[in-house]
Each structure stands twice: as structure tokens, then as C-alpha cells.
Amino acid sequence: MQARMDTQQQRLDSLEGLLDVMAVGNPTLQRALAERRAALGMSQRIPAERLQTEPLTNY
């Protein structure tokens, strides 16, 4: 039973890491992840000062 829970936690950690990678350069997704983590009482994996507050300029 404990091994199954450990495996599930590893999968969740991997998924969370994937979402963090997907959020790089996407301020909308960064804010959504930060809000969801706050609602769930989770710690922020991306420090608040690193969240992009302005959209990137596309030249």
C-alpha cells in the first residue's frame, strides 16, 4: 500500500513539474498555477517575484 502511494506521489510530482515547464513564458498559466496552489494550500514552486506580470512583446 505504501509503495503504491509513493508511486502516485512521484507521478503527481512529475505532472507538477511538467506544468511548471509549460508555464515558462506564459504569464496566464503561471498565474493560474499560482492561484490553484494557493487555493490548495500548496507552496509556490515558482517564487512570486519570478512570475511574469507583463506579456512578452512579440517582435
PDB file of N, CA and C in Angstrom:
ATOM      1  N   MET A   1       0.819  -1.194   0.000  1.00  0.00           N
ATOM      2  CA  MET A   1       0.000   0.000   0.000  1.00  0.00           C
ATOM      3  C   MET A   1       0.867   1.264   0.000  1.00  0.00           C
ATOM      4  N   GLN A   2       1.904   1.279   0.851  1.00  0.00           N
ATOM      5  CA  GLN A   2       2.795   2.437   0.923  1.00  0.00           C
ATOM      6  C   GLN A   2       3.542   2.631  -0.398  1.00  0.00           C
ATOM      7  N   ALA A   3       3.948   1.531  -1.025  1.00  0.00           N
ATOM      8  CA  ALA A   3       4.651   1.633  -2.311  1.00  0.00           C
ATOM      9  C   ALA A   3       3.752   2.258  -3.368  1.00  0.00           C
ATOM     10  N   ARG A   4       2.473   1.906  -3.360  1.00  0.00           N
ATOM     11  CA  ARG A   4       1.527   2.485  -4.316  1.00  0.00           C
ATOM     12  C   ARG A   4       1.369   3.983  -4.086  1.00  0.00           C
ATOM     13  N   MET A   5       1.292   4.383  -2.820  1.00  0.00           N
ATOM     14  CA  MET A   5       1.162   5.807  -2.507  1.00  0.00           C
ATOM     15  C   MET A   5       2.418   6.572  -2.910  1.00  0.00           C
ATOM     16  N   ASP A   6       3.581   5.971  -2.708  1.00  0.00           N
ATOM     17  CA  ASP A   6       4.832   6.605  -3.115  1.00  0.00           C
ATOM     18  C   ASP A   6       4.890   6.782  -4.624  1.00  0.00           C
ATOM     19  N   THR A   7       4.461   5.771  -5.355  1.00  0.00           N
ATOM     20  CA  THR A   7       4.439   5.846  -6.818  1.00  0.00           C
ATOM     21  C   THR A   7       3.483   6.932  -7.291  1.00  0.00           C
ATOM     22  N   GLN A   8       2.313   7.020  -6.677  1.00  0.00           N
ATOM     23  CA  GLN A   8       1.354   8.051  -7.053  1.00  0.00           C
ATOM     24  C   GLN A   8       1.898   9.446  -6.763  1.00  0.00           C
ATOM     25  N   GLN A   9       2.604   9.598  -5.638  1.00  0.00           N
ATOM     26  CA  GLN A   9       3.190  10.901  -5.307  1.00  0.00           C
ATOM     27  C   GLN A   9       4.266  11.275  -6.316  1.00  0.00           C
ATOM     28  N   GLN A  10       5.058  10.318  -6.749  1.00  0.00           N
ATOM     29  CA  GLN A  10       6.082  10.588  -7.760  1.00  0.00           C
ATOM     30  C   GLN A  10       5.441  11.025  -9.073  1.00  0.00           C
ATOM     31  N   ARG A  11       4.351  10.393  -9.441  1.00  0.00           N
ATOM     32  CA  ARG A  11       3.650  10.780 -10.675  1.00  0.00           C
ATOM     33  C   ARG A  11       3.080  12.186 -10.562  1.00  0.00           C
ATOM     34  N   LEU A  12       2.504  12.501  -9.411  1.00  0.00           N
ATOM     35  CA  LEU A  12       1.966  13.844  -9.215  1.00  0.00           C
ATOM     36  C   LEU A  12       3.076  14.891  -9.252  1.00  0.00           C
ATOM     37  N   ASP A  13       4.227  14.580  -8.648  1.00  0.00           N
ATOM     38  CA  ASP A  13       5.356  15.497  -8.684  1.00  0.00           C
ATOM     39  C   ASP A  13       5.840  15.705 -10.115  1.00  0.00           C
ATOM     40  N   SER A  14       5.868  14.643 -10.905  1.00  0.00           N
ATOM     41  CA  SER A  14       6.280  14.749 -12.310  1.00  0.00           C
ATOM     42  C   SER A  14       5.301  15.610 -13.096  1.00  0.00           C
ATOM     43  N   LEU A  15       4.016  15.423 -12.845  1.00  0.00           N
ATOM     44  CA  LEU A  15       2.998  16.219 -13.538  1.00  0.00           C
ATOM     45  C   LEU A  15       3.114  17.687 -13.143  1.00  0.00           C
ATOM     46  N   GLU A  16       3.342  17.936 -11.867  1.00  0.00           N
ATOM     47  CA  GLU A  16       3.504  19.311 -11.416  1.00  0.00           C
ATOM     48  C   GLU A  16       4.727  19.946 -12.065  1.00  0.00           C
ATOM     49  N   GLY A  17       5.804  19.199 -12.187  1.00  0.00           N
ATOM     50  CA  GLY A  17       6.998  19.696 -12.860  1.00  0.00           C
ATOM     51  C   GLY A  17       6.734  20.003 -14.320  1.00  0.00           C
ATOM     52  N   LEU A  18       5.965  19.153 -14.976  1.00  0.00           N
ATOM     53  CA  LEU A  18       5.612  19.386 -16.379  1.00  0.00           C
ATOM     54  C   LEU A  18       4.798  20.667 -16.523  1.00  0.00           C
ATOM     55  N   LEU A  19       3.846  20.873 -15.622  1.00  0.00           N
ATOM     56  CA  LEU A  19       3.053  22.103 -15.671  1.00  0.00           C
ATOM     57  C   LEU A  19       3.927  23.331 -15.466  1.00  0.00           C
ATOM     58  N   ASP A  20       4.917  23.242 -14.589  1.00  0.00           N
ATOM     59  CA  ASP A  20       5.841  24.359 -14.391  1.00  0.00           C
ATOM     60  C   ASP A  20       6.624  24.659 -15.662  1.00  0.00           C
ATOM     61  N   VAL A  21       7.067  23.631 -16.354  1.00  0.00           N
ATOM     62  CA  VAL A  21       7.802  23.817 -17.609  1.00  0.00           C
ATOM     63  C   VAL A  21       6.891  24.451 -18.653  1.00  0.00           C
ATOM     64  N   MET A  22       5.661  23.994 -18.723  1.00  0.00           N
ATOM     65  CA  MET A  22       4.714  24.550 -19.696  1.00  0.00           C
ATOM     66  C   MET A  22       4.404  26.020 -19.401  1.00  0.00           C
ATOM     67  N   ALA A  23       4.497  26.422 -18.135  1.00  0.00           N
ATOM     68  CA  ALA A  23       4.155  27.787 -17.744  1.00  0.00           C
ATOM     69  C   ALA A  23       5.268  28.790 -18.037  1.00  0.00           C
ATOM     70  N   VAL A  24       6.468  28.309 -18.330  1.00  0.00           N
ATOM     71  CA  VAL A  24       7.573  29.229 -18.608  1.00  0.00           C
ATOM     72  C   VAL A  24       7.199  30.098 -19.800  1.00  0.00           C
ATOM     73  N   GLY A  25       7.268  31.399 -19.595  1.00  0.00           N
ATOM     74  CA  GLY A  25       6.954  32.329 -20.676  1.00  0.00           C
ATOM     75  C   GLY A  25       5.472  32.525 -20.915  1.00  0.00           C
ATOM     76  N   ASN A  26       4.629  31.927 -20.087  1.00  0.00           N
ATOM     77  CA  ASN A  26       3.184  32.052 -20.248  1.00  0.00           C
ATOM     78  C   ASN A  26       2.598  32.621 -18.948  1.00  0.00           C
ATOM     79  N   PRO A  27       2.483  33.949 -18.860  1.00  0.00           N
ATOM     80  CA  PRO A  27       2.030  34.561 -17.614  1.00  0.00           C
ATOM     81  C   PRO A  27       0.627  34.131 -17.200  1.00  0.00           C
ATOM     82  N   THR A  28      -0.232  33.843 -18.153  1.00  0.00           N
ATOM     83  CA  THR A  28      -1.588  33.408 -17.821  1.00  0.00           C
ATOM     84  C   THR A  28      -1.556  32.067 -17.114  1.00  0.00           C
ATOM     85  N   LEU A  29      -0.788  31.130 -17.624  1.00  0.00           N
ATOM     86  CA  LEU A  29      -0.675  29.813 -16.994  1.00  0.00           C
ATOM     87  C   LEU A  29       0.056  29.913 -15.664  1.00  0.00           C
ATOM     88  N   GLN A  30       1.057  30.789 -15.577  1.00  0.00           N
ATOM     89  CA  GLN A  30       1.764  30.979 -14.314  1.00  0.00           C
ATOM     90  C   GLN A  30       0.809  31.457 -13.226  1.00  0.00           C
ATOM     91  N   ARG A  31      -0.027  32.445 -13.558  1.00  0.00           N
ATOM     92  CA  ARG A  31      -0.993  32.955 -12.583  1.00  0.00           C
ATOM     93  C   ARG A  31      -2.003  31.881 -12.203  1.00  0.00           C
ATOM     94  N   ALA A  32      -2.477  31.117 -13.181  1.00  0.00           N
ATOM     95  CA  ALA A  32      -3.459  30.063 -12.904  1.00  0.00           C
ATOM     96  C   ALA A  32      -2.874  29.006 -11.966  1.00  0.00           C
ATOM     97  N   LEU A  33      -1.638  28.601 -12.215  1.00  0.00           N
ATOM     98  CA  LEU A  33      -0.993  27.618 -11.339  1.00  0.00           C
ATOM     99  C   LEU A  33      -0.785  28.184  -9.940  1.00  0.00           C
ATOM    100  N   ALA A  34      -0.362  29.449  -9.855  1.00  0.00           N
ATOM    101  CA  ALA A  34      -0.139  30.077  -8.548  1.00  0.00           C
ATOM    102  C   ALA A  34      -1.446  30.166  -7.768  1.00  0.00           C
ATOM    103  N   GLU A  35      -2.536  30.529  -8.451  1.00  0.00           N
ATOM    104  CA  GLU A  35      -3.832  30.632  -7.785  1.00  0.00           C
ATOM    105  C   GLU A  35      -4.326  29.261  -7.331  1.00  0.00           C
ATOM    106  N   ARG A  36      -4.133  28.245  -8.147  1.00  0.00           N
ATOM    107  CA  ARG A  36      -4.575  26.893  -7.790  1.00  0.00           C
ATOM    108  C   ARG A  36      -3.780  26.369  -6.600  1.00  0.00           C
ATOM    109  N   ARG A  37      -2.468  26.613  -6.613  1.00  0.00           N
ATOM    110  CA  ARG A  37      -1.636  26.169  -5.483  1.00  0.00           C
ATOM    111  C   ARG A  37      -2.037  26.886  -4.203  1.00  0.00           C
ATOM    112  N   ALA A  38      -2.330  28.179  -4.299  1.00  0.00           N
ATOM    113  CA  ALA A  38      -2.747  28.937  -3.120  1.00  0.00           C
ATOM    114  C   ALA A  38      -4.079  28.401  -2.597  1.00  0.00           C
ATOM    115  N   ALA A  39      -5.005  28.102  -3.489  1.00  0.00           N
ATOM    116  CA  ALA A  39      -6.314  27.581  -3.078  1.00  0.00           C
ATOM    117  C   ALA A  39      -6.188  26.220  -2.398  1.00  0.00           C
ATOM    118  N   LEU A  40      -5.205  25.435  -2.814  1.00  0.00           N
ATOM    119  CA  LEU A  40      -4.996  24.110  -2.232  1.00  0.00           C
ATOM    120  C   LEU A  40      -4.056  24.141  -1.027  1.00  0.00           C
ATOM    121  N   GLY A  41      -3.518  25.319  -0.714  1.00  0.00           N
ATOM    122  CA  GLY A  41      -2.595  25.438   0.408  1.00  0.00           C
ATOM    123  C   GLY A  41      -1.224  24.870   0.124  1.00  0.00           C
ATOM    124  N   MET A  42      -0.859  24.794  -1.148  1.00  0.00           N
ATOM    125  CA  MET A  42       0.441  24.257  -1.548  1.00  0.00           C
ATOM    126  C   MET A  42       1.455  25.390  -1.612  1.00  0.00           C
ATOM    127  N   SER A  43       2.727  25.051  -1.473  1.00  0.00           N
ATOM    128  CA  SER A  43       3.774  26.055  -1.617  1.00  0.00           C
ATOM    129  C   SER A  43       3.961  26.386  -3.091  1.00  0.00           C
ATOM    130  N   GLN A  44       4.444  27.596  -3.340  1.00  0.00           N
ATOM    131  CA  GLN A  44       4.700  28.030  -4.706  1.00  0.00           C
ATOM    132  C   GLN A  44       6.028  27.464  -5.169  1.00  0.00           C
ATOM    133  N   ARG A  45       6.020  26.767  -6.288  1.00  0.00           N
ATOM    134  CA  ARG A  45       7.279  26.229  -6.829  1.00  0.00           C
ATOM    135  C   ARG A  45       8.033  27.302  -7.585  1.00  0.00           C
ATOM    136  N   ILE A  46       7.306  28.258  -8.150  1.00  0.00           N
ATOM    137  CA  ILE A  46       7.925  29.395  -8.821  1.00  0.00           C
ATOM    138  C   ILE A  46       7.762  30.581  -7.877  1.00  0.00           C
ATOM    139  N   PRO A  47       8.865  31.178  -7.409  1.00  0.00           N
ATOM    140  CA  PRO A  47       8.743  32.324  -6.499  1.00  0.00           C
ATOM    141  C   PRO A  47       7.904  33.428  -7.133  1.00  0.00           C
ATOM    142  N   ALA A  48       7.108  34.104  -6.331  1.00  0.00           N
ATOM    143  CA  ALA A  48       6.191  35.130  -6.837  1.00  0.00           C
ATOM    144  C   ALA A  48       6.917  36.214  -7.627  1.00  0.00           C
ATOM    145  N   GLU A  49       8.135  36.573  -7.199  1.00  0.00           N
ATOM    146  CA  GLU A  49       8.853  37.630  -7.914  1.00  0.00           C
ATOM    147  C   GLU A  49       9.303  37.191  -9.302  1.00  0.00           C
ATOM    148  N   ARG A  50       9.296  35.897  -9.585  1.00  0.00           N
ATOM    149  CA  ARG A  50       9.688  35.401 -10.909  1.00  0.00           C
ATOM    150  C   ARG A  50       8.500  35.237 -11.836  1.00  0.00           C
ATOM    151  N   LEU A  51       7.276  35.333 -11.296  1.00  0.00           N
ATOM    152  CA  LEU A  51       6.100  35.236 -12.156  1.00  0.00           C
ATOM    153  C   LEU A  51       6.058  36.452 -13.055  1.00  0.00           C
ATOM    154  N   GLN A  52       5.807  36.248 -14.311  1.00  0.00           N
ATOM    155  CA  GLN A  52       5.753  37.359 -15.250  1.00  0.00           C
ATOM    156  C   GLN A  52       4.418  38.079 -15.065  1.00  0.00           C
ATOM    157  N   THR A  53       4.508  39.383 -14.895  1.00  0.00           N
ATOM    158  CA  THR A  53       3.301  40.186 -14.707  1.00  0.00           C
ATOM    159  C   THR A  53       2.907  40.903 -15.980  1.00  0.00           C
ATOM    160  N   GLU A  54       3.794  40.983 -16.945  1.00  0.00           N
ATOM    161  CA  GLU A  54       3.501  41.652 -18.200  1.00  0.00           C
ATOM    162  C   GLU A  54       3.685  40.661 -19.349  1.00  0.00           C
ATOM    163  N   PRO A  55       2.842  40.780 -20.359  1.00  0.00           N
ATOM    164  CA  PRO A  55       3.013  39.872 -21.503  1.00  0.00           C
ATOM    165  C   PRO A  55       4.322  40.164 -22.238  1.00  0.00           C
ATOM    166  N   LEU A  56       4.877  39.140 -22.819  1.00  0.00           N
ATOM    167  CA  LEU A  56       6.096  39.299 -23.593  1.00  0.00           C
ATOM    168  C   LEU A  56       5.773  40.002 -24.908  1.00  0.00           C
ATOM    169  N   THR A  57       6.676  40.856 -25.342  1.00  0.00           N
ATOM    170  CA  THR A  57       6.492  41.549 -26.605  1.00  0.00           C
ATOM    171  C   THR A  57       6.958  40.640 -27.731  1.00  0.00           C
ATOM    172  N   ASN A  58       6.119  40.494 -28.732  1.00  0.00           N
ATOM    173  CA  ASN A  58       6.448  39.639 -29.877  1.00  0.00           C
ATOM    174  C   ASN A  58       6.876  40.535 -31.023  1.00  0.00           C
ATOM    175  N   TYR A  59       8.168  40.562 -31.296  1.00  0.00           N
ATOM    176  CA  TYR A  59       8.686  41.400 -32.376  1.00  0.00           C
ATOM    177  C   TYR A  59       8.607  40.707 -33.660  1.00  0.00           C
TER     178      TYR A  59
END
